[in-house]
PDB file of N, CA and C in Angstrom:
ATOM      1  N   UNK A   1     154.754  78.559 200.328  1.00  0.00           N
ATOM      2  CA  UNK A   1     155.058  77.710 199.371  1.00  0.00           C
ATOM      3  C   UNK A   1     154.283  77.944 197.947  1.00  0.00           C
ATOM      4  N   UNK A   2     154.982  78.030 196.805  1.00  0.00           N
ATOM      5  CA  UNK A   2     154.494  78.409 195.500  1.00  0.00           C
ATOM      6  C   UNK A   2     153.952  77.194 195.058  1.00  0.00           C
ATOM      7  N   UNK A   3     152.886  77.213 194.157  1.00  0.00           N
ATOM      8  CA  UNK A   3     152.385  76.266 193.455  1.00  0.00           C
ATOM      9  C   UNK A   3     153.115  76.108 192.212  1.00  0.00           C
ATOM     10  N   UNK A   4     153.684  74.828 191.869  1.00  0.00           N
ATOM     11  CA  UNK A   4     154.329  74.663 190.721  1.00  0.00           C
ATOM     12  C   UNK A   4     153.414  74.430 189.408  1.00  0.00           C
ATOM     13  N   UNK A   5     153.364  74.804 188.435  1.00  0.00           N
ATOM     14  CA  UNK A   5     152.565  74.513 187.511  1.00  0.00           C
ATOM     15  C   UNK A   5     153.688  74.087 186.259  1.00  0.00           C
ATOM     16  N   UNK A   6     152.964  73.277 185.500  1.00  0.00           N
ATOM     17  CA  UNK A   6     153.667  72.873 184.112  1.00  0.00           C
ATOM     18  C   UNK A   6     153.782  73.865 183.147  1.00  0.00           C
ATOM     19  N   UNK A   7     154.827  73.981 182.173  1.00  0.00           N
ATOM     20  CA  UNK A   7     155.418  75.153 181.527  1.00  0.00           C
ATOM     21  C   UNK A   7     154.285  75.316 180.274  1.00  0.00           C
ATOM     22  N   UNK A   8     153.778  74.227 179.988  1.00  0.00           N
ATOM     23  CA  UNK A   8     152.711  74.263 178.952  1.00  0.00           C
ATOM     24  C   UNK A   8     151.356  75.009 179.317  1.00  0.00           C
ATOM     25  N   UNK A   9     151.084  75.319 180.380  1.00  0.00           N
ATOM     26  CA  UNK A   9     149.854  76.170 180.982  1.00  0.00           C
ATOM     27  C   UNK A   9     150.433  77.733 181.066  1.00  0.00           C
ATOM     28  N   UNK A  10     151.635  78.294 181.073  1.00  0.00           N
ATOM     29  CA  UNK A  10     151.910  79.607 181.311  1.00  0.00           C
ATOM     30  C   UNK A  10     151.525  80.506 180.158  1.00  0.00           C
ATOM     31  N   UNK A  11     151.363  80.142 178.978  1.00  0.00           N
ATOM     32  CA  UNK A  11     151.102  80.925 177.922  1.00  0.00           C
ATOM     33  C   UNK A  11     149.657  81.432 177.889  1.00  0.00           C
ATOM     34  N   UNK A  12     149.131  81.319 176.617  1.00  0.00           N
ATOM     35  CA  UNK A  12     147.818  81.930 176.405  1.00  0.00           C
ATOM     36  C   UNK A  12     146.680  81.089 177.285  1.00  0.00           C
ATOM     37  N   UNK A  13     145.600  81.515 177.694  1.00  0.00           N
ATOM     38  CA  UNK A  13     144.845  80.681 178.555  1.00  0.00           C
ATOM     39  C   UNK A  13     144.127  79.802 177.367  1.00  0.00           C
ATOM     40  N   UNK A  14     143.764  78.462 177.745  1.00  0.00           N
ATOM     41  CA  UNK A  14     142.936  77.769 176.965  1.00  0.00           C
ATOM     42  C   UNK A  14     141.686  78.268 176.636  1.00  0.00           C
ATOM     43  N   UNK A  15     141.410  78.437 175.066  1.00  0.00           N
ATOM     44  CA  UNK A  15     139.999  78.488 174.733  1.00  0.00           C
ATOM     45  C   UNK A  15     139.188  77.427 174.194  1.00  0.00           C
ATOM     46  N   UNK A  16     138.104  77.246 174.867  1.00  0.00           N
ATOM     47  CA  UNK A  16     137.296  76.158 174.268  1.00  0.00           C
ATOM     48  C   UNK A  16     136.478  76.713 172.964  1.00  0.00           C
ATOM     49  N   UNK A  17     136.698  75.712 171.860  1.00  0.00           N
ATOM     50  CA  UNK A  17     135.988  76.288 170.795  1.00  0.00           C
ATOM     51  C   UNK A  17     134.480  76.313 170.986  1.00  0.00           C
ATOM     52  N   UNK A  18     133.698  77.604 170.611  1.00  0.00           N
ATOM     53  CA  UNK A  18     132.573  77.876 170.682  1.00  0.00           C
ATOM     54  C   UNK A  18     131.701  77.053 169.715  1.00  0.00           C
ATOM     55  N   UNK A  19     130.844  76.105 170.307  1.00  0.00           N
ATOM     56  CA  UNK A  19     129.993  75.264 169.376  1.00  0.00           C
ATOM     57  C   UNK A  19     128.951  76.260 168.739  1.00  0.00           C
ATOM     58  N   UNK A  20     128.861  76.042 167.689  1.00  0.00           N
ATOM     59  CA  UNK A  20     127.417  76.811 166.976  1.00  0.00           C
ATOM     60  C   UNK A  20     126.251  76.405 167.269  1.00  0.00           C
ATOM     61  N   UNK A  21     125.292  77.293 167.396  1.00  0.00           N
ATOM     62  CA  UNK A  21     123.921  76.565 167.640  1.00  0.00           C
ATOM     63  C   UNK A  21     123.195  76.037 166.421  1.00  0.00           C
ATOM     64  N   UNK A  22     122.490  75.033 166.416  1.00  0.00           N
ATOM     65  CA  UNK A  22     122.047  74.455 165.316  1.00  0.00           C
ATOM     66  C   UNK A  22     121.078  75.199 164.875  1.00  0.00           C
ATOM     67  N   UNK A  23     121.031  75.602 163.459  1.00  0.00           N
ATOM     68  CA  UNK A  23     120.148  76.569 162.869  1.00  0.00           C
ATOM     69  C   UNK A  23     118.438  75.704 162.906  1.00  0.00           C
ATOM     70  N   UNK A  24     117.560  76.218 163.562  1.00  0.00           N
ATOM     71  CA  UNK A  24     116.128  75.660 163.792  1.00  0.00           C
ATOM     72  C   UNK A  24     115.287  76.064 162.871  1.00  0.00           C
ATOM     73  N   UNK A  25     114.648  75.765 161.887  1.00  0.00           N
ATOM     74  CA  UNK A  25     113.679  76.348 161.034  1.00  0.00           C
ATOM     75  C   UNK A  25     112.039  76.143 161.896  1.00  0.00           C
ATOM     76  N   UNK A  26     111.566  77.317 161.749  1.00  0.00           N
ATOM     77  CA  UNK A  26     110.210  77.475 162.369  1.00  0.00           C
ATOM     78  C   UNK A  26     109.445  78.212 161.201  1.00  0.00           C
ATOM     79  N   UNK A  27     108.342  77.516 160.773  1.00  0.00           N
ATOM     80  CA  UNK A  27     107.493  78.459 160.125  1.00  0.00           C
ATOM     81  C   UNK A  27     106.428  79.335 160.803  1.00  0.00           C
ATOM     82  N   UNK A  28     106.488  80.485 160.456  1.00  0.00           N
ATOM     83  CA  UNK A  28     105.907  81.695 161.336  1.00  0.00           C
ATOM     84  C   UNK A  28     104.482  82.037 160.323  1.00  0.00           C
ATOM     85  N   UNK A  29     103.505  82.489 161.001  1.00  0.00           N
ATOM     86  CA  UNK A  29     102.352  82.935 160.116  1.00  0.00           C
ATOM     87  C   UNK A  29     102.617  84.281 159.596  1.00  0.00           C
ATOM     88  N   UNK A  30     102.138  84.617 158.608  1.00  0.00           N
ATOM     89  CA  UNK A  30     102.189  85.863 157.881  1.00  0.00           C
ATOM     90  C   UNK A  30     101.043  86.830 158.294  1.00  0.00           C
ATOM     91  N   UNK A  31     101.277  88.108 158.347  1.00  0.00           N
ATOM     92  CA  UNK A  31     100.340  89.174 158.576  1.00  0.00           C
ATOM     93  C   UNK A  31      98.702  88.610 158.248  1.00  0.00           C
ATOM     94  N   UNK A  32      98.678  88.288 156.765  1.00  0.00           N
ATOM     95  CA  UNK A  32      97.255  87.777 156.197  1.00  0.00           C
ATOM     96  C   UNK A  32      96.681  86.616 157.057  1.00  0.00           C
ATOM     97  N   UNK A  33      97.550  85.845 157.523  1.00  0.00           N
ATOM     98  CA  UNK A  33      97.047  84.540 158.175  1.00  0.00           C
ATOM     99  C   UNK A  33      96.702  84.659 159.373  1.00  0.00           C
ATOM    100  N   UNK A  34      96.657  85.821 160.020  1.00  0.00           N
ATOM    101  CA  UNK A  34      96.203  85.933 161.456  1.00  0.00           C
ATOM    102  C   UNK A  34      95.046  86.914 161.475  1.00  0.00           C
ATOM    103  N   UNK A  35      93.991  86.655 162.424  1.00  0.00           N
ATOM    104  CA  UNK A  35      92.945  87.349 162.660  1.00  0.00           C
ATOM    105  C   UNK A  35      93.054  87.900 163.915  1.00  0.00           C
ATOM    106  N   UNK A  36      92.724  89.510 163.831  1.00  0.00           N
ATOM    107  CA  UNK A  36      92.656  90.130 165.108  1.00  0.00           C
ATOM    108  C   UNK A  36      91.706  89.783 166.200  1.00  0.00           C
ATOM    109  N   UNK A  37      91.989  89.481 167.370  1.00  0.00           N
ATOM    110  CA  UNK A  37      91.421  88.882 168.491  1.00  0.00           C
ATOM    111  C   UNK A  37      91.411  87.425 168.708  1.00  0.00           C
ATOM    112  N   UNK A  38      91.924  86.481 167.798  1.00  0.00           N
ATOM    113  CA  UNK A  38      92.304  85.210 167.901  1.00  0.00           C
ATOM    114  C   UNK A  38      93.485  85.158 168.670  1.00  0.00           C
ATOM    115  N   UNK A  39      93.547  83.999 169.293  1.00  0.00           N
ATOM    116  CA  UNK A  39      95.079  83.644 170.131  1.00  0.00           C
ATOM    117  C   UNK A  39      95.678  82.691 169.417  1.00  0.00           C
ATOM    118  N   UNK A  40      96.905  82.702 169.382  1.00  0.00           N
ATOM    119  CA  UNK A  40      98.158  82.042 168.705  1.00  0.00           C
ATOM    120  C   UNK A  40      99.306  81.852 169.526  1.00  0.00           C
ATOM    121  N   UNK A  41      99.778  80.624 169.356  1.00  0.00           N
ATOM    122  CA  UNK A  41     101.018  80.361 170.018  1.00  0.00           C
ATOM    123  C   UNK A  41     102.361  81.219 169.435  1.00  0.00           C
ATOM    124  N   UNK A  42     103.251  81.481 170.047  1.00  0.00           N
ATOM    125  CA  UNK A  42     104.365  82.171 169.602  1.00  0.00           C
ATOM    126  C   UNK A  42     105.022  83.116 170.588  1.00  0.00           C
ATOM    127  N   UNK A  43     105.621  84.129 170.105  1.00  0.00           N
ATOM    128  CA  UNK A  43     106.485  84.997 170.797  1.00  0.00           C
ATOM    129  C   UNK A  43     106.216  86.658 170.490  1.00  0.00           C
ATOM    130  N   UNK A  44     106.465  87.424 171.339  1.00  0.00           N
ATOM    131  CA  UNK A  44     106.381  89.018 171.145  1.00  0.00           C
ATOM    132  C   UNK A  44     107.548  89.254 170.718  1.00  0.00           C
ATOM    133  N   UNK A  45     107.541  90.383 169.368  1.00  0.00           N
ATOM    134  CA  UNK A  45     108.619  90.501 168.812  1.00  0.00           C
ATOM    135  C   UNK A  45     109.484  91.545 169.678  1.00  0.00           C
ATOM    136  N   UNK A  46     110.821  90.974 170.104  1.00  0.00           N
ATOM    137  CA  UNK A  46     111.776  91.998 170.796  1.00  0.00           C
ATOM    138  C   UNK A  46     111.928  93.507 170.379  1.00  0.00           C
ATOM    139  N   UNK A  47     111.626  93.835 168.923  1.00  0.00           N
ATOM    140  CA  UNK A  47     111.931  95.203 168.747  1.00  0.00           C
ATOM    141  C   UNK A  47     110.786  95.892 169.316  1.00  0.00           C
ATOM    142  N   UNK A  48     111.219  97.096 170.343  1.00  0.00           N
ATOM    143  CA  UNK A  48     110.445  97.872 170.923  1.00  0.00           C
ATOM    144  C   UNK A  48     109.391  98.553 170.189  1.00  0.00           C
ATOM    145  N   UNK A  49     109.752  98.984 168.725  1.00  0.00           N
ATOM    146  CA  UNK A  49     108.784  99.654 168.248  1.00  0.00           C
ATOM    147  C   UNK A  49     107.719  98.772 167.632  1.00  0.00           C
ATOM    148  N   UNK A  50     107.978  97.513 167.571  1.00  0.00           N
ATOM    149  CA  UNK A  50     107.089  96.809 166.826  1.00  0.00           C
ATOM    150  C   UNK A  50     106.238  95.911 168.102  1.00  0.00           C
ATOM    151  N   UNK A  51     106.624  95.098 168.474  1.00  0.00           N
ATOM    152  CA  UNK A  51     106.195  94.303 169.692  1.00  0.00           C
ATOM    153  C   UNK A  51     105.048  93.486 169.296  1.00  0.00           C
ATOM    154  N   UNK A  52     105.147  93.067 168.046  1.00  0.00           N
ATOM    155  CA  UNK A  52     103.821  92.399 167.536  1.00  0.00           C
ATOM    156  C   UNK A  52     104.048  90.884 167.805  1.00  0.00           C
ATOM    157  N   UNK A  53     102.907  90.389 167.519  1.00  0.00           N
ATOM    158  CA  UNK A  53     102.903  88.803 167.822  1.00  0.00           C
ATOM    159  C   UNK A  53     103.801  88.026 166.455  1.00  0.00           C
ATOM    160  N   UNK A  54     104.661  87.228 166.989  1.00  0.00           N
ATOM    161  CA  UNK A  54     105.410  86.211 166.059  1.00  0.00           C
ATOM    162  C   UNK A  54     104.344  84.854 166.219  1.00  0.00           C
ATOM    163  N   UNK A  55     103.459  84.467 165.171  1.00  0.00           N
ATOM    164  CA  UNK A  55     102.793  82.870 165.731  1.00  0.00           C
ATOM    165  C   UNK A  55     103.280  82.130 164.930  1.00  0.00           C
ATOM    166  N   UNK A  56     103.592  80.930 165.411  1.00  0.00           N
ATOM    167  CA  UNK A  56     104.068  79.587 164.789  1.00  0.00           C
ATOM    168  C   UNK A  56     102.899  79.257 163.888  1.00  0.00           C
ATOM    169  N   UNK A  57     103.201  78.700 162.549  1.00  0.00           N
ATOM    170  CA  UNK A  57     102.548  78.327 161.698  1.00  0.00           C
ATOM    171  C   UNK A  57     102.407  76.796 161.960  1.00  0.00           C
ATOM    172  N   UNK A  58     100.888  76.042 162.160  1.00  0.00           N
ATOM    173  CA  UNK A  58     101.063  74.677 162.216  1.00  0.00           C
ATOM    174  C   UNK A  58     100.967  74.122 160.980  1.00  0.00           C
ATOM    175  N   UNK A  59     101.390  72.769 161.037  1.00  0.00           N
ATOM    176  CA  UNK A  59     101.178  71.980 159.782  1.00  0.00           C
ATOM    177  C   UNK A  59      99.837  71.792 159.323  1.00  0.00           C
ATOM    178  N   UNK A  60      99.621  71.363 157.964  1.00  0.00           N
ATOM    179  CA  UNK A  60      98.415  71.185 157.744  1.00  0.00           C
ATOM    180  C   UNK A  60      97.852  69.961 158.279  1.00  0.00           C
ATOM    181  N   UNK A  61      96.374  69.924 158.384  1.00  0.00           N
ATOM    182  CA  UNK A  61      95.716  68.972 159.410  1.00  0.00           C
ATOM    183  C   UNK A  61      96.323  67.443 158.941  1.00  0.00           C
ATOM    184  N   UNK A  62      96.336  66.719 157.675  1.00  0.00           N
ATOM    185  CA  UNK A  62      96.738  65.845 157.018  1.00  0.00           C
ATOM    186  C   UNK A  62      98.149  65.141 157.217  1.00  0.00           C
ATOM    187  N   UNK A  63      99.017  66.247 157.698  1.00  0.00           N
ATOM    188  CA  UNK A  63     100.521  66.120 157.888  1.00  0.00           C
ATOM    189  C   UNK A  63     100.537  65.447 158.997  1.00  0.00           C
ATOM    190  N   UNK A  64     101.523  64.505 159.272  1.00  0.00           N
ATOM    191  CA  UNK A  64     101.680  63.708 160.584  1.00  0.00           C
ATOM    192  C   UNK A  64     102.881  64.583 161.330  1.00  0.00           C
ATOM    193  N   UNK A  65     103.551  65.280 160.720  1.00  0.00           N
ATOM    194  CA  UNK A  65     104.624  65.702 161.364  1.00  0.00           C
ATOM    195  C   UNK A  65     104.041  67.209 162.319  1.00  0.00           C
ATOM    196  N   UNK A  66     104.433  67.087 163.665  1.00  0.00           N
ATOM    197  CA  UNK A  66     104.023  67.991 164.300  1.00  0.00           C
ATOM    198  C   UNK A  66     104.873  69.097 164.821  1.00  0.00           C
ATOM    199  N   UNK A  67     104.784  70.176 165.617  1.00  0.00           N
ATOM    200  CA  UNK A  67     105.415  71.159 165.874  1.00  0.00           C
ATOM    201  C   UNK A  67     106.726  70.552 166.368  1.00  0.00           C
ATOM    202  N   UNK A  68     107.885  70.819 165.910  1.00  0.00           N
ATOM    203  CA  UNK A  68     109.291  70.314 166.333  1.00  0.00           C
ATOM    204  C   UNK A  68     109.176  70.597 167.710  1.00  0.00           C
ATOM    205  N   UNK A  69     109.601  69.738 168.892  1.00  0.00           N
ATOM    206  CA  UNK A  69     110.001  70.091 170.327  1.00  0.00           C
ATOM    207  C   UNK A  69     111.374  70.084 170.464  1.00  0.00           C
ATOM    208  N   UNK A  70     111.983  71.201 170.707  1.00  0.00           N
ATOM    209  CA  UNK A  70     113.357  71.410 170.677  1.00  0.00           C
ATOM    210  C   UNK A  70     113.452  71.399 172.342  1.00  0.00           C
ATOM    211  N   UNK A  71     114.993  71.184 172.503  1.00  0.00           N
ATOM    212  CA  UNK A  71     115.304  71.186 174.269  1.00  0.00           C
ATOM    213  C   UNK A  71     115.480  72.656 174.256  1.00  0.00           C
ATOM    214  N   UNK A  72     115.139  73.553 174.622  1.00  0.00           N
ATOM    215  CA  UNK A  72     115.442  74.883 174.930  1.00  0.00           C
ATOM    216  C   UNK A  72     116.497  75.663 174.283  1.00  0.00           C
ATOM    217  N   UNK A  73     116.257  75.562 172.918  1.00  0.00           N
ATOM    218  CA  UNK A  73     117.376  75.848 172.081  1.00  0.00           C
ATOM    219  C   UNK A  73     116.811  77.290 171.557  1.00  0.00           C
ATOM    220  N   UNK A  74     117.997  78.065 171.226  1.00  0.00           N
ATOM    221  CA  UNK A  74     117.589  79.480 170.559  1.00  0.00           C
ATOM    222  C   UNK A  74     117.130  79.311 169.137  1.00  0.00           C
ATOM    223  N   UNK A  75     116.220  79.849 168.654  1.00  0.00           N
ATOM    224  CA  UNK A  75     115.706  80.080 167.305  1.00  0.00           C
ATOM    225  C   UNK A  75     115.755  81.330 166.775  1.00  0.00           C
ATOM    226  N   UNK A  76     116.555  81.289 165.578  1.00  0.00           N
ATOM    227  CA  UNK A  76     116.126  82.792 164.704  1.00  0.00           C
ATOM    228  C   UNK A  76     115.120  82.864 164.250  1.00  0.00           C
ATOM    229  N   UNK A  77     114.466  83.820 164.456  1.00  0.00           N
ATOM    230  CA  UNK A  77     112.936  83.989 163.796  1.00  0.00           C
ATOM    231  C   UNK A  77     112.943  85.496 163.110  1.00  0.00           C
ATOM    232  N   UNK A  78     112.551  85.541 161.965  1.00  0.00           N
ATOM    233  CA  UNK A  78     112.332  86.781 161.448  1.00  0.00           C
ATOM    234  C   UNK A  78     110.926  87.248 161.664  1.00  0.00           C
ATOM    235  N   UNK A  79     110.586  88.490 162.187  1.00  0.00           N
ATOM    236  CA  UNK A  79     109.357  88.974 162.501  1.00  0.00           C
ATOM    237  C   UNK A  79     108.655  89.432 161.247  1.00  0.00           C
ATOM    238  N   UNK A  80     107.449  88.830 161.012  1.00  0.00           N
ATOM    239  CA  UNK A  80     106.577  88.998 159.718  1.00  0.00           C
ATOM    240  C   UNK A  80     106.059  90.700 159.732  1.00  0.00           C
ATOM    241  N   UNK A  81     106.104  91.355 160.752  1.00  0.00           N
ATOM    242  CA  UNK A  81     105.608  92.648 160.959  1.00  0.00           C
ATOM    243  C   UNK A  81     106.668  93.717 160.238  1.00  0.00           C
ATOM    244  N   UNK A  82     107.906  93.729 161.420  1.00  0.00           N
ATOM    245  CA  UNK A  82     108.898  94.652 160.916  1.00  0.00           C
ATOM    246  C   UNK A  82     110.081  94.210 160.404  1.00  0.00           C
ATOM    247  N   UNK A  83     110.184  92.774 160.116  1.00  0.00           N
ATOM    248  CA  UNK A  83     111.556  92.221 159.173  1.00  0.00           C
ATOM    249  C   UNK A  83     112.626  92.071 160.242  1.00  0.00           C
ATOM    250  N   UNK A  84     112.629  92.382 161.575  1.00  0.00           N
ATOM    251  CA  UNK A  84     113.575  92.491 162.314  1.00  0.00           C
ATOM    252  C   UNK A  84     113.643  90.890 162.461  1.00  0.00           C
ATOM    253  N   UNK A  85     115.226  90.390 162.725  1.00  0.00           N
ATOM    254  CA  UNK A  85     115.244  88.777 163.079  1.00  0.00           C
ATOM    255  C   UNK A  85     116.131  88.855 164.334  1.00  0.00           C
ATOM    256  N   UNK A  86     115.717  87.916 165.212  1.00  0.00           N
ATOM    257  CA  UNK A  86     116.180  87.718 166.706  1.00  0.00           C
ATOM    258  C   UNK A  86     116.042  86.466 166.908  1.00  0.00           C
ATOM    259  N   UNK A  87     116.957  86.076 168.287  1.00  0.00           N
ATOM    260  CA  UNK A  87     116.833  84.711 168.709  1.00  0.00           C
ATOM    261  C   UNK A  87     115.848  84.671 169.925  1.00  0.00           C
ATOM    262  N   UNK A  88     115.072  83.493 169.634  1.00  0.00           N
ATOM    263  CA  UNK A  88     114.050  83.416 170.839  1.00  0.00           C
ATOM    264  C   UNK A  88     114.270  82.032 171.313  1.00  0.00           C
ATOM    265  N   UNK A  89     113.742  82.018 172.554  1.00  0.00           N
ATOM    266  CA  UNK A  89     113.962  80.608 173.322  1.00  0.00           C
ATOM    267  C   UNK A  89     112.799  79.909 172.994  1.00  0.00           C
ATOM    268  N   UNK A  90     113.039  78.740 172.756  1.00  0.00           N
ATOM    269  CA  UNK A  90     111.599  77.687 172.287  1.00  0.00           C
ATOM    270  C   UNK A  90     110.859  77.626 173.298  1.00  0.00           C
ATOM    271  N   UNK A  91     111.296  77.524 174.362  1.00  0.00           N
ATOM    272  CA  UNK A  91     110.539  77.480 175.637  1.00  0.00           C
ATOM    273  C   UNK A  91     109.822  78.763 176.335  1.00  0.00           C
ATOM    274  N   UNK A  92     110.341  79.660 175.533  1.00  0.00           N
ATOM    275  CA  UNK A  92     109.677  81.091 175.962  1.00  0.00           C
ATOM    276  C   UNK A  92     108.419  81.201 175.184  1.00  0.00           C
ATOM    277  N   UNK A  93     108.028  80.355 174.261  1.00  0.00           N
ATOM    278  CA  UNK A  93     106.802  80.497 173.489  1.00  0.00           C
ATOM    279  C   UNK A  93     105.677  80.374 174.373  1.00  0.00           C
ATOM    280  N   UNK A  94     104.502  81.132 174.228  1.00  0.00           N
ATOM    281  CA  UNK A  94     103.393  81.133 174.903  1.00  0.00           C
ATOM    282  C   UNK A  94     102.238  81.377 174.078  1.00  0.00           C
ATOM    283  N   UNK A  95     100.973  81.383 174.658  1.00  0.00           N
ATOM    284  CA  UNK A  95      99.702  82.057 173.816  1.00  0.00           C
ATOM    285  C   UNK A  95      99.447  83.348 174.062  1.00  0.00           C
ATOM    286  N   UNK A  96      99.420  83.936 172.883  1.00  0.00           N
ATOM    287  CA  UNK A  96      99.000  85.450 173.066  1.00  0.00           C
ATOM    288  C   UNK A  96      97.945  85.919 172.345  1.00  0.00           C
ATOM    289  N   UNK A  97      96.948  86.992 172.391  1.00  0.00           N
ATOM    290  CA  UNK A  97      95.728  87.281 171.601  1.00  0.00           C
ATOM    291  C   UNK A  97      96.543  88.332 170.624  1.00  0.00           C
ATOM    292  N   UNK A  98      96.192  88.202 169.065  1.00  0.00           N
ATOM    293  CA  UNK A  98      96.786  88.884 168.226  1.00  0.00           C
ATOM    294  C   UNK A  98      95.982  90.130 168.002  1.00  0.00           C
ATOM    295  N   UNK A  99      96.407  91.442 167.883  1.00  0.00           N
ATOM    296  CA  UNK A  99      95.774  92.557 167.988  1.00  0.00           C
ATOM    297  C   UNK A  99      96.560  93.373 166.936  1.00  0.00           C
ATOM    298  N   UNK A 100      95.564  93.744 165.963  1.00  0.00           N
ATOM    299  CA  UNK A 100      96.190  94.671 164.640  1.00  0.00           C
ATOM    300  C   UNK A 100      96.649  96.060 165.087  1.00  0.00           C
ATOM    301  N   UNK A 101      97.639  96.159 165.013  1.00  0.00           N
ATOM    302  CA  UNK A 101      98.281  97.610 165.484  1.00  0.00           C
ATOM    303  C   UNK A 101      97.963  98.682 164.219  1.00  0.00           C
ATOM    304  N   UNK A 102      97.456  99.712 164.548  1.00  0.00           N
ATOM    305  CA  UNK A 102      97.272 100.880 163.457  1.00  0.00           C
ATOM    306  C   UNK A 102      98.318 101.484 163.121  1.00  0.00           C
ATOM    307  N   UNK A 103      98.404 101.945 161.968  1.00  0.00           N
ATOM    308  CA  UNK A 103      99.580 102.574 161.142  1.00  0.00           C
ATOM    309  C   UNK A 103      99.857 103.810 161.937  1.00  0.00           C
ATOM    310  N   UNK A 104      98.806 104.584 162.430  1.00  0.00           N
ATOM    311  CA  UNK A 104      99.034 105.870 163.248  1.00  0.00           C
ATOM    312  C   UNK A 104      99.932 105.893 164.132  1.00  0.00           C
ATOM    313  N   UNK A 105     100.416 105.131 165.059  1.00  0.00           N
ATOM    314  CA  UNK A 105     101.202 104.787 166.111  1.00  0.00           C
ATOM    315  C   UNK A 105     102.427 105.436 165.886  1.00  0.00           C
TER     316      UNK A 105
END
């Protein structure tokens, strides 16, 4: 027995519109703001040749706005060390020790 389908569904498959990811702005610390040996919350750069820590810049002490808590959203972040921009999961951030990489590597 053949399955009868309405004629409307025989054409091209239905494509659901892709919803764009809301752009999240995250302030990151620049190289001069980080001290070698200190621990910072952030991500490691996905660029294999860089791999440096991308640390979140915390707001000033007097500012009531805390670090935004997103639901596991992807966030586009530009590495302050190599300049590469990539997507990072907000929930994947963790505490890392910052080590200054030597130029001769």
